[in-house]
Amino acid sequence: MRIQFLIGSLFSGLVVSQASFAAERETTLLVENMTCASCPYIVKQSLTREPGVVSVTVSFTEKTAHVIFDDSKTTIQTLEEATASHGFPSRQRK
């Protein structure tokens, strides 16, 4: 019984330590080719479908997408690829 408890404690510690490395990050993407009123909707949908994306705000006038995401589930490169695959190349604003 003690051995099972010790093994269980060790594994639960590993799970907690893995989760502690995850963090929400924010980035703003500069988005190309947004020319009509439906473009921001398409950009937002392409980003929100990515695992780990928490929130997306797209500005048609500024041609940007502000994204909050879990960096243990997705990357900025993946976000850029998501918009590009729908015809809207993007890059991170520096």
PDB file of N, CA and C in Angstrom:
ATOM      1  N   MET A   1       0.820  -1.195   0.000  1.00  0.00           N
ATOM      2  CA  MET A   1       0.000   0.000   0.000  1.00  0.00           C
ATOM      3  C   MET A   1       0.864   1.259   0.000  1.00  0.00           C
ATOM      4  N   ARG A   2       1.910   1.261   0.807  1.00  0.00           N
ATOM      5  CA  ARG A   2       2.792   2.426   0.855  1.00  0.00           C
ATOM      6  C   ARG A   2       3.483   2.649  -0.486  1.00  0.00           C
ATOM      7  N   ILE A   3       3.879   1.548  -1.120  1.00  0.00           N
ATOM      8  CA  ILE A   3       4.568   1.665  -2.415  1.00  0.00           C
ATOM      9  C   ILE A   3       3.637   2.283  -3.447  1.00  0.00           C
ATOM     10  N   GLN A   4       2.371   1.848  -3.476  1.00  0.00           N
ATOM     11  CA  GLN A   4       1.411   2.416  -4.418  1.00  0.00           C
ATOM     12  C   GLN A   4       1.221   3.909  -4.154  1.00  0.00           C
ATOM     13  N   PHE A   5       1.152   4.278  -2.890  1.00  0.00           N
ATOM     14  CA  PHE A   5       0.995   5.688  -2.538  1.00  0.00           C
ATOM     15  C   PHE A   5       2.196   6.500  -3.008  1.00  0.00           C
ATOM     16  N   LEU A   6       3.399   5.982  -2.774  1.00  0.00           N
ATOM     17  CA  LEU A   6       4.616   6.682  -3.191  1.00  0.00           C
ATOM     18  C   LEU A   6       4.691   6.822  -4.702  1.00  0.00           C
ATOM     19  N   ILE A   7       4.376   5.762  -5.420  1.00  0.00           N
ATOM     20  CA  ILE A   7       4.403   5.816  -6.885  1.00  0.00           C
ATOM     21  C   ILE A   7       3.362   6.807  -7.390  1.00  0.00           C
ATOM     22  N   GLY A   8       2.169   6.759  -6.811  1.00  0.00           N
ATOM     23  CA  GLY A   8       1.122   7.709  -7.193  1.00  0.00           C
ATOM     24  C   GLY A   8       1.534   9.144  -6.930  1.00  0.00           C
ATOM     25  N   SER A   9       2.188   9.380  -5.816  1.00  0.00           N
ATOM     26  CA  SER A   9       2.657  10.726  -5.479  1.00  0.00           C
ATOM     27  C   SER A   9       3.700  11.214  -6.470  1.00  0.00           C
ATOM     28  N   LEU A  10       4.596  10.337  -6.860  1.00  0.00           N
ATOM     29  CA  LEU A  10       5.630  10.714  -7.829  1.00  0.00           C
ATOM     30  C   LEU A  10       5.021  11.100  -9.166  1.00  0.00           C
ATOM     31  N   PHE A  11       4.079  10.301  -9.665  1.00  0.00           N
ATOM     32  CA  PHE A  11       3.469  10.585 -10.955  1.00  0.00           C
ATOM     33  C   PHE A  11       2.619  11.846 -10.917  1.00  0.00           C
ATOM     34  N   SER A  12       1.908  12.081  -9.838  1.00  0.00           N
ATOM     35  CA  SER A  12       1.106  13.300  -9.755  1.00  0.00           C
ATOM     36  C   SER A  12       2.010  14.527  -9.711  1.00  0.00           C
ATOM     37  N   GLY A  13       3.175  14.406  -9.108  1.00  0.00           N
ATOM     38  CA  GLY A  13       4.138  15.506  -9.102  1.00  0.00           C
ATOM     39  C   GLY A  13       4.647  15.814 -10.489  1.00  0.00           C
ATOM     40  N   LEU A  14       4.830  14.793 -11.305  1.00  0.00           N
ATOM     41  CA  LEU A  14       5.272  15.006 -12.685  1.00  0.00           C
ATOM     42  C   LEU A  14       4.219  15.739 -13.492  1.00  0.00           C
ATOM     43  N   VAL A  15       2.965  15.378 -13.308  1.00  0.00           N
ATOM     44  CA  VAL A  15       1.880  16.032 -14.028  1.00  0.00           C
ATOM     45  C   VAL A  15       1.794  17.497 -13.634  1.00  0.00           C
ATOM     46  N   VAL A  16       1.880  17.796 -12.356  1.00  0.00           N
ATOM     47  CA  VAL A  16       1.815  19.178 -11.886  1.00  0.00           C
ATOM     48  C   VAL A  16       3.002  19.975 -12.414  1.00  0.00           C
ATOM     49  N   SER A  17       4.185  19.394 -12.397  1.00  0.00           N
ATOM     50  CA  SER A  17       5.350  20.144 -12.853  1.00  0.00           C
ATOM     51  C   SER A  17       5.276  20.420 -14.344  1.00  0.00           C
ATOM     52  N   GLN A  18       4.709  19.521 -15.146  1.00  0.00           N
ATOM     53  CA  GLN A  18       4.543  19.763 -16.576  1.00  0.00           C
ATOM     54  C   GLN A  18       3.602  20.943 -16.798  1.00  0.00           C
ATOM     55  N   ALA A  19       2.493  20.969 -16.064  1.00  0.00           N
ATOM     56  CA  ALA A  19       1.509  22.027 -16.232  1.00  0.00           C
ATOM     57  C   ALA A  19       2.059  23.381 -15.810  1.00  0.00           C
ATOM     58  N   SER A  20       2.986  23.398 -14.876  1.00  0.00           N
ATOM     59  CA  SER A  20       3.503  24.676 -14.397  1.00  0.00           C
ATOM     60  C   SER A  20       4.364  25.388 -15.437  1.00  0.00           C
ATOM     61  N   PHE A  21       4.828  24.681 -16.458  1.00  0.00           N
ATOM     62  CA  PHE A  21       5.622  25.308 -17.508  1.00  0.00           C
ATOM     63  C   PHE A  21       4.752  25.990 -18.562  1.00  0.00           C
ATOM     64  N   ALA A  22       3.486  25.640 -18.643  1.00  0.00           N
ATOM     65  CA  ALA A  22       2.587  26.244 -19.617  1.00  0.00           C
ATOM     66  C   ALA A  22       2.246  27.661 -19.180  1.00  0.00           C
ATOM     67  N   ALA A  23       2.111  28.532 -20.161  1.00  0.00           N
ATOM     68  CA  ALA A  23       1.765  29.912 -19.840  1.00  0.00           C
ATOM     69  C   ALA A  23       0.952  30.510 -20.975  1.00  0.00           C
ATOM     70  N   GLU A  24       0.059  31.415 -20.612  1.00  0.00           N
ATOM     71  CA  GLU A  24      -0.658  32.157 -21.636  1.00  0.00           C
ATOM     72  C   GLU A  24       0.251  33.261 -22.138  1.00  0.00           C
ATOM     73  N   ARG A  25       0.294  33.396 -23.441  1.00  0.00           N
ATOM     74  CA  ARG A  25       1.082  34.454 -24.072  1.00  0.00           C
ATOM     75  C   ARG A  25       0.169  35.273 -24.957  1.00  0.00           C
ATOM     76  N   GLU A  26       0.619  36.470 -25.259  1.00  0.00           N
ATOM     77  CA  GLU A  26      -0.108  37.350 -26.167  1.00  0.00           C
ATOM     78  C   GLU A  26       0.802  37.718 -27.314  1.00  0.00           C
ATOM     79  N   THR A  27       0.208  37.867 -28.481  1.00  0.00           N
ATOM     80  CA  THR A  27       0.959  38.381 -29.612  1.00  0.00           C
ATOM     81  C   THR A  27       0.007  39.131 -30.520  1.00  0.00           C
ATOM     82  N   THR A  28       0.559  40.013 -31.311  1.00  0.00           N
ATOM     83  CA  THR A  28      -0.210  40.694 -32.340  1.00  0.00           C
ATOM     84  C   THR A  28       0.395  40.327 -33.679  1.00  0.00           C
ATOM     85  N   LEU A  29      -0.458  39.844 -34.565  1.00  0.00           N
ATOM     86  CA  LEU A  29      -0.030  39.487 -35.908  1.00  0.00           C
ATOM     87  C   LEU A  29      -0.424  40.592 -36.877  1.00  0.00           C
ATOM     88  N   LEU A  30       0.477  40.934 -37.769  1.00  0.00           N
ATOM     89  CA  LEU A  30       0.166  41.838 -38.871  1.00  0.00           C
ATOM     90  C   LEU A  30      -0.364  40.962 -39.997  1.00  0.00           C
ATOM     91  N   VAL A  31      -1.596  41.217 -40.420  1.00  0.00           N
ATOM     92  CA  VAL A  31      -2.283  40.325 -41.361  1.00  0.00           C
ATOM     93  C   VAL A  31      -2.428  41.010 -42.716  1.00  0.00           C
ATOM     94  N   GLU A  32      -2.000  40.302 -43.756  1.00  0.00           N
ATOM     95  CA  GLU A  32      -2.102  40.819 -45.123  1.00  0.00           C
ATOM     96  C   GLU A  32      -3.405  40.355 -45.778  1.00  0.00           C
ATOM     97  N   ASN A  33      -3.777  41.031 -46.850  1.00  0.00           N
ATOM     98  CA  ASN A  33      -4.890  40.652 -47.735  1.00  0.00           C
ATOM     99  C   ASN A  33      -6.284  40.832 -47.143  1.00  0.00           C
ATOM    100  N   MET A  34      -6.431  41.544 -46.043  1.00  0.00           N
ATOM    101  CA  MET A  34      -7.781  41.795 -45.527  1.00  0.00           C
ATOM    102  C   MET A  34      -8.347  42.982 -46.302  1.00  0.00           C
ATOM    103  N   THR A  35      -9.271  42.690 -47.216  1.00  0.00           N
ATOM    104  CA  THR A  35      -9.787  43.731 -48.101  1.00  0.00           C
ATOM    105  C   THR A  35     -11.296  43.926 -48.024  1.00  0.00           C
ATOM    106  N   CYS A  36     -12.000  43.025 -47.338  1.00  0.00           N
ATOM    107  CA  CYS A  36     -13.456  43.155 -47.285  1.00  0.00           C
ATOM    108  C   CYS A  36     -13.960  42.883 -45.868  1.00  0.00           C
ATOM    109  N   ALA A  37     -15.242  43.099 -45.676  1.00  0.00           N
ATOM    110  CA  ALA A  37     -15.832  42.977 -44.341  1.00  0.00           C
ATOM    111  C   ALA A  37     -15.807  41.555 -43.792  1.00  0.00           C
ATOM    112  N   SER A  38     -15.779  40.544 -44.649  1.00  0.00           N
ATOM    113  CA  SER A  38     -15.770  39.164 -44.149  1.00  0.00           C
ATOM    114  C   SER A  38     -14.365  38.657 -43.831  1.00  0.00           C
ATOM    115  N   CYS A  39     -13.342  39.360 -44.266  1.00  0.00           N
ATOM    116  CA  CYS A  39     -11.961  38.919 -44.026  1.00  0.00           C
ATOM    117  C   CYS A  39     -11.629  38.764 -42.535  1.00  0.00           C
ATOM    118  N   PRO A  40     -11.961  39.723 -41.675  1.00  0.00           N
ATOM    119  CA  PRO A  40     -11.649  39.551 -40.249  1.00  0.00           C
ATOM    120  C   PRO A  40     -12.311  38.308 -39.646  1.00  0.00           C
ATOM    121  N   TYR A  41     -13.516  37.995 -40.095  1.00  0.00           N
ATOM    122  CA  TYR A  41     -14.200  36.797 -39.610  1.00  0.00           C
ATOM    123  C   TYR A  41     -13.411  35.543 -39.984  1.00  0.00           C
ATOM    124  N   ILE A  42     -12.939  35.469 -41.217  1.00  0.00           N
ATOM    125  CA  ILE A  42     -12.179  34.302 -41.678  1.00  0.00           C
ATOM    126  C   ILE A  42     -10.869  34.186 -40.908  1.00  0.00           C
ATOM    127  N   VAL A  43     -10.187  35.308 -40.705  1.00  0.00           N
ATOM    128  CA  VAL A  43      -8.933  35.305 -39.945  1.00  0.00           C
ATOM    129  C   VAL A  43      -9.193  34.821 -38.518  1.00  0.00           C
ATOM    130  N   LYS A  44     -10.242  35.351 -37.896  1.00  0.00           N
ATOM    131  CA  LYS A  44     -10.560  34.953 -36.517  1.00  0.00           C
ATOM    132  C   LYS A  44     -10.869  33.460 -36.439  1.00  0.00           C
ATOM    133  N   GLN A  45     -11.662  32.955 -37.368  1.00  0.00           N
ATOM    134  CA  GLN A  45     -12.007  31.532 -37.362  1.00  0.00           C
ATOM    135  C   GLN A  45     -10.779  30.653 -37.573  1.00  0.00           C
ATOM    136  N   SER A  46      -9.881  31.075 -38.454  1.00  0.00           N
ATOM    137  CA  SER A  46      -8.678  30.265 -38.702  1.00  0.00           C
ATOM    138  C   SER A  46      -7.812  30.175 -37.452  1.00  0.00           C
ATOM    139  N   LEU A  47      -7.784  31.223 -36.659  1.00  0.00           N
ATOM    140  CA  LEU A  47      -6.978  31.228 -35.435  1.00  0.00           C
ATOM    141  C   LEU A  47      -7.667  30.506 -34.280  1.00  0.00           C
ATOM    142  N   THR A  48      -8.967  30.713 -34.118  1.00  0.00           N
ATOM    143  CA  THR A  48      -9.654  30.092 -32.983  1.00  0.00           C
ATOM    144  C   THR A  48      -9.748  28.577 -33.120  1.00  0.00           C
ATOM    145  N   ARG A  49      -9.581  28.058 -34.311  1.00  0.00           N
ATOM    146  CA  ARG A  49      -9.598  26.599 -34.510  1.00  0.00           C
ATOM    147  C   ARG A  49      -8.305  25.934 -34.059  1.00  0.00           C
ATOM    148  N   GLU A  50      -7.276  26.710 -33.822  1.00  0.00           N
ATOM    149  CA  GLU A  50      -5.995  26.145 -33.386  1.00  0.00           C
ATOM    150  C   GLU A  50      -6.061  25.767 -31.905  1.00  0.00           C
ATOM    151  N   PRO A  51      -5.595  24.572 -31.558  1.00  0.00           N
ATOM    152  CA  PRO A  51      -5.570  24.174 -30.148  1.00  0.00           C
ATOM    153  C   PRO A  51      -4.734  25.157 -29.321  1.00  0.00           C
ATOM    154  N   GLY A  52      -5.245  25.520 -28.167  1.00  0.00           N
ATOM    155  CA  GLY A  52      -4.508  26.404 -27.274  1.00  0.00           C
ATOM    156  C   GLY A  52      -4.829  27.877 -27.413  1.00  0.00           C
ATOM    157  N   VAL A  53      -5.572  28.247 -28.459  1.00  0.00           N
ATOM    158  CA  VAL A  53      -5.927  29.659 -28.624  1.00  0.00           C
ATOM    159  C   VAL A  53      -7.063  29.982 -27.663  1.00  0.00           C
ATOM    160  N   VAL A  54      -6.849  31.000 -26.851  1.00  0.00           N
ATOM    161  CA  VAL A  54      -7.812  31.391 -25.822  1.00  0.00           C
ATOM    162  C   VAL A  54      -8.737  32.488 -26.331  1.00  0.00           C
ATOM    163  N   SER A  55      -8.174  33.473 -27.021  1.00  0.00           N
ATOM    164  CA  SER A  55      -8.992  34.572 -27.525  1.00  0.00           C
ATOM    165  C   SER A  55      -8.324  35.232 -28.722  1.00  0.00           C
ATOM    166  N   VAL A  56      -9.170  35.773 -29.613  1.00  0.00           N
ATOM    167  CA  VAL A  56      -8.686  36.445 -30.825  1.00  0.00           C
ATOM    168  C   VAL A  56      -9.515  37.702 -31.029  1.00  0.00           C
ATOM    169  N   THR A  57      -8.838  38.816 -31.281  1.00  0.00           N
ATOM    170  CA  THR A  57      -9.495  40.064 -31.649  1.00  0.00           C
ATOM    171  C   THR A  57      -8.848  40.549 -32.938  1.00  0.00           C
ATOM    172  N   VAL A  58      -9.661  40.709 -33.978  1.00  0.00           N
ATOM    173  CA  VAL A  58      -9.138  41.113 -35.283  1.00  0.00           C
ATOM    174  C   VAL A  58      -9.588  42.535 -35.578  1.00  0.00           C
ATOM    175  N   SER A  59      -8.656  43.359 -36.058  1.00  0.00           N
ATOM    176  CA  SER A  59      -8.963  44.734 -36.452  1.00  0.00           C
ATOM    177  C   SER A  59      -8.791  44.868 -37.959  1.00  0.00           C
ATOM    178  N   PHE A  60      -9.899  45.148 -38.635  1.00  0.00           N
ATOM    179  CA  PHE A  60      -9.847  45.355 -40.083  1.00  0.00           C
ATOM    180  C   PHE A  60      -9.082  46.631 -40.421  1.00  0.00           C
ATOM    181  N   THR A  61      -9.319  47.696 -39.656  1.00  0.00           N
ATOM    182  CA  THR A  61      -8.675  48.977 -39.967  1.00  0.00           C
ATOM    183  C   THR A  61      -7.168  48.943 -39.737  1.00  0.00           C
ATOM    184  N   GLU A  62      -6.734  48.230 -38.700  1.00  0.00           N
ATOM    185  CA  GLU A  62      -5.297  48.148 -38.409  1.00  0.00           C
ATOM    186  C   GLU A  62      -4.623  46.956 -39.088  1.00  0.00           C
ATOM    187  N   LYS A  63      -5.446  46.063 -39.671  1.00  0.00           N
ATOM    188  CA  LYS A  63      -4.920  44.844 -40.331  1.00  0.00           C
ATOM    189  C   LYS A  63      -4.110  44.000 -39.348  1.00  0.00           C
ATOM    190  N   THR A  64      -4.687  43.786 -38.143  1.00  0.00           N
ATOM    191  CA  THR A  64      -3.996  43.018 -37.106  1.00  0.00           C
ATOM    192  C   THR A  64      -4.928  41.981 -36.486  1.00  0.00           C
ATOM    193  N   ALA A  65      -4.301  41.011 -35.842  1.00  0.00           N
ATOM    194  CA  ALA A  65      -5.026  40.034 -35.028  1.00  0.00           C
ATOM    195  C   ALA A  65      -4.278  39.916 -33.706  1.00  0.00           C
ATOM    196  N   HIS A  66      -4.962  40.223 -32.625  1.00  0.00           N
ATOM    197  CA  HIS A  66      -4.383  40.094 -31.288  1.00  0.00           C
ATOM    198  C   HIS A  66      -4.812  38.734 -30.754  1.00  0.00           C
ATOM    199  N   VAL A  67      -3.837  37.899 -30.392  1.00  0.00           N
ATOM    200  CA  VAL A  67      -4.121  36.518 -30.005  1.00  0.00           C
ATOM    201  C   VAL A  67      -3.558  36.229 -28.616  1.00  0.00           C
ATOM    202  N   ILE A  68      -4.378  35.627 -27.773  1.00  0.00           N
ATOM    203  CA  ILE A  68      -3.929  35.095 -26.486  1.00  0.00           C
ATOM    204  C   ILE A  68      -3.974  33.580 -26.625  1.00  0.00           C
ATOM    205  N   PHE A  69      -2.849  32.926 -26.292  1.00  0.00           N
ATOM    206  CA  PHE A  69      -2.760  31.485 -26.516  1.00  0.00           C
ATOM    207  C   PHE A  69      -1.912  30.810 -25.449  1.00  0.00           C
ATOM    208  N   ASP A  70      -2.109  29.511 -25.319  1.00  0.00           N
ATOM    209  CA  ASP A  70      -1.347  28.673 -24.395  1.00  0.00           C
ATOM    210  C   ASP A  70      -0.103  28.204 -25.138  1.00  0.00           C
ATOM    211  N   ASP A  71       1.064  28.639 -24.686  1.00  0.00           N
ATOM    212  CA  ASP A  71       2.290  28.331 -25.430  1.00  0.00           C
ATOM    213  C   ASP A  71       2.747  26.881 -25.293  1.00  0.00           C
ATOM    214  N   SER A  72       2.040  26.092 -24.490  1.00  0.00           N
ATOM    215  CA  SER A  72       2.366  24.663 -24.441  1.00  0.00           C
ATOM    216  C   SER A  72       1.580  23.887 -25.497  1.00  0.00           C
ATOM    217  N   LYS A  73       0.606  24.561 -26.131  1.00  0.00           N
ATOM    218  CA  LYS A  73      -0.235  23.884 -27.121  1.00  0.00           C
ATOM    219  C   LYS A  73      -0.058  24.411 -28.537  1.00  0.00           C
ATOM    220  N   THR A  74       0.442  25.616 -28.694  1.00  0.00           N
ATOM    221  CA  THR A  74       0.646  26.160 -30.035  1.00  0.00           C
ATOM    222  C   THR A  74       1.794  27.156 -30.019  1.00  0.00           C
ATOM    223  N   THR A  75       2.220  27.549 -31.202  1.00  0.00           N
ATOM    224  CA  THR A  75       3.330  28.496 -31.342  1.00  0.00           C
ATOM    225  C   THR A  75       2.914  29.645 -32.245  1.00  0.00           C
ATOM    226  N   ILE A  76       3.707  30.687 -32.237  1.00  0.00           N
ATOM    227  CA  ILE A  76       3.440  31.818 -33.124  1.00  0.00           C
ATOM    228  C   ILE A  76       3.541  31.376 -34.574  1.00  0.00           C
ATOM    229  N   GLN A  77       4.492  30.520 -34.876  1.00  0.00           N
ATOM    230  CA  GLN A  77       4.628  30.018 -36.245  1.00  0.00           C
ATOM    231  C   GLN A  77       3.361  29.278 -36.685  1.00  0.00           C
ATOM    232  N   THR A  78       2.785  28.490 -35.801  1.00  0.00           N
ATOM    233  CA  THR A  78       1.549  27.773 -36.122  1.00  0.00           C
ATOM    234  C   THR A  78       0.409  28.749 -36.370  1.00  0.00           C
ATOM    235  N   LEU A  79       0.344  29.818 -35.592  1.00  0.00           N
ATOM    236  CA  LEU A  79      -0.688  30.835 -35.789  1.00  0.00           C
ATOM    237  C   LEU A  79      -0.517  31.511 -37.147  1.00  0.00           C
ATOM    238  N   GLU A  80       0.719  31.832 -37.495  1.00  0.00           N
ATOM    239  CA  GLU A  80       0.994  32.449 -38.798  1.00  0.00           C
ATOM    240  C   GLU A  80       0.613  31.505 -39.937  1.00  0.00           C
ATOM    241  N   GLU A  81       0.903  30.234 -39.770  1.00  0.00           N
ATOM    242  CA  GLU A  81       0.548  29.243 -40.790  1.00  0.00           C
ATOM    243  C   GLU A  81      -0.966  29.090 -40.914  1.00  0.00           C
ATOM    244  N   ALA A  82      -1.677  29.208 -39.799  1.00  0.00           N
ATOM    245  CA  ALA A  82      -3.138  29.083 -39.817  1.00  0.00           C
ATOM    246  C   ALA A  82      -3.773  30.191 -40.649  1.00  0.00           C
ATOM    247  N   THR A  83      -3.309  31.421 -40.477  1.00  0.00           N
ATOM    248  CA  THR A  83      -3.886  32.509 -41.275  1.00  0.00           C
ATOM    249  C   THR A  83      -3.465  32.387 -42.737  1.00  0.00           C
ATOM    250  N   ALA A  84      -2.219  32.022 -42.974  1.00  0.00           N
ATOM    251  CA  ALA A  84      -1.719  31.887 -44.352  1.00  0.00           C
ATOM    252  C   ALA A  84      -2.479  30.809 -45.117  1.00  0.00           C
ATOM    253  N   SER A  85      -2.847  29.736 -44.437  1.00  0.00           N
ATOM    254  CA  SER A  85      -3.560  28.648 -45.115  1.00  0.00           C
ATOM    255  C   SER A  85      -4.956  29.063 -45.575  1.00  0.00           C
ATOM    256  N   HIS A  86      -5.455  30.179 -45.058  1.00  0.00           N
ATOM    257  CA  HIS A  86      -6.750  30.711 -45.474  1.00  0.00           C
ATOM    258  C   HIS A  86      -6.600  31.948 -46.363  1.00  0.00           C
ATOM    259  N   GLY A  87      -5.386  32.181 -46.855  1.00  0.00           N
ATOM    260  CA  GLY A  87      -5.163  33.286 -47.784  1.00  0.00           C
ATOM    261  C   GLY A  87      -4.769  34.599 -47.143  1.00  0.00           C
ATOM    262  N   PHE A  88      -4.401  34.564 -45.859  1.00  0.00           N
ATOM    263  CA  PHE A  88      -4.044  35.779 -45.141  1.00  0.00           C
ATOM    264  C   PHE A  88      -2.676  35.618 -44.483  1.00  0.00           C
ATOM    265  N   PRO A  89      -1.608  35.796 -45.252  1.00  0.00           N
ATOM    266  CA  PRO A  89      -0.272  35.693 -44.649  1.00  0.00           C
ATOM    267  C   PRO A  89      -0.151  36.675 -43.481  1.00  0.00           C
ATOM    268  N   SER A  90       0.555  36.261 -42.450  1.00  0.00           N
ATOM    269  CA  SER A  90       0.735  37.147 -41.298  1.00  0.00           C
ATOM    270  C   SER A  90       2.123  36.958 -40.719  1.00  0.00           C
ATOM    271  N   ARG A  91       2.507  37.951 -39.938  1.00  0.00           N
ATOM    272  CA  ARG A  91       3.786  37.865 -39.231  1.00  0.00           C
ATOM    273  C   ARG A  91       3.617  38.589 -37.901  1.00  0.00           C
ATOM    274  N   GLN A  92       4.429  38.178 -36.953  1.00  0.00           N
ATOM    275  CA  GLN A  92       4.347  38.771 -35.623  1.00  0.00           C
ATOM    276  C   GLN A  92       4.818  40.217 -35.655  1.00  0.00           C
ATOM    277  N   ARG A  93       4.043  41.084 -35.003  1.00  0.00           N
ATOM    278  CA  ARG A  93       4.467  42.479 -34.855  1.00  0.00           C
ATOM    279  C   ARG A  93       5.573  42.502 -33.814  1.00  0.00           C
ATOM    280  N   LYS A  94       6.665  43.160 -34.118  1.00  0.00           N
ATOM    281  CA  LYS A  94       7.808  43.224 -33.184  1.00  0.00           C
ATOM    282  C   LYS A  94       7.704  44.435 -32.301  1.00  0.00           C
TER     283      LYS A  94
END
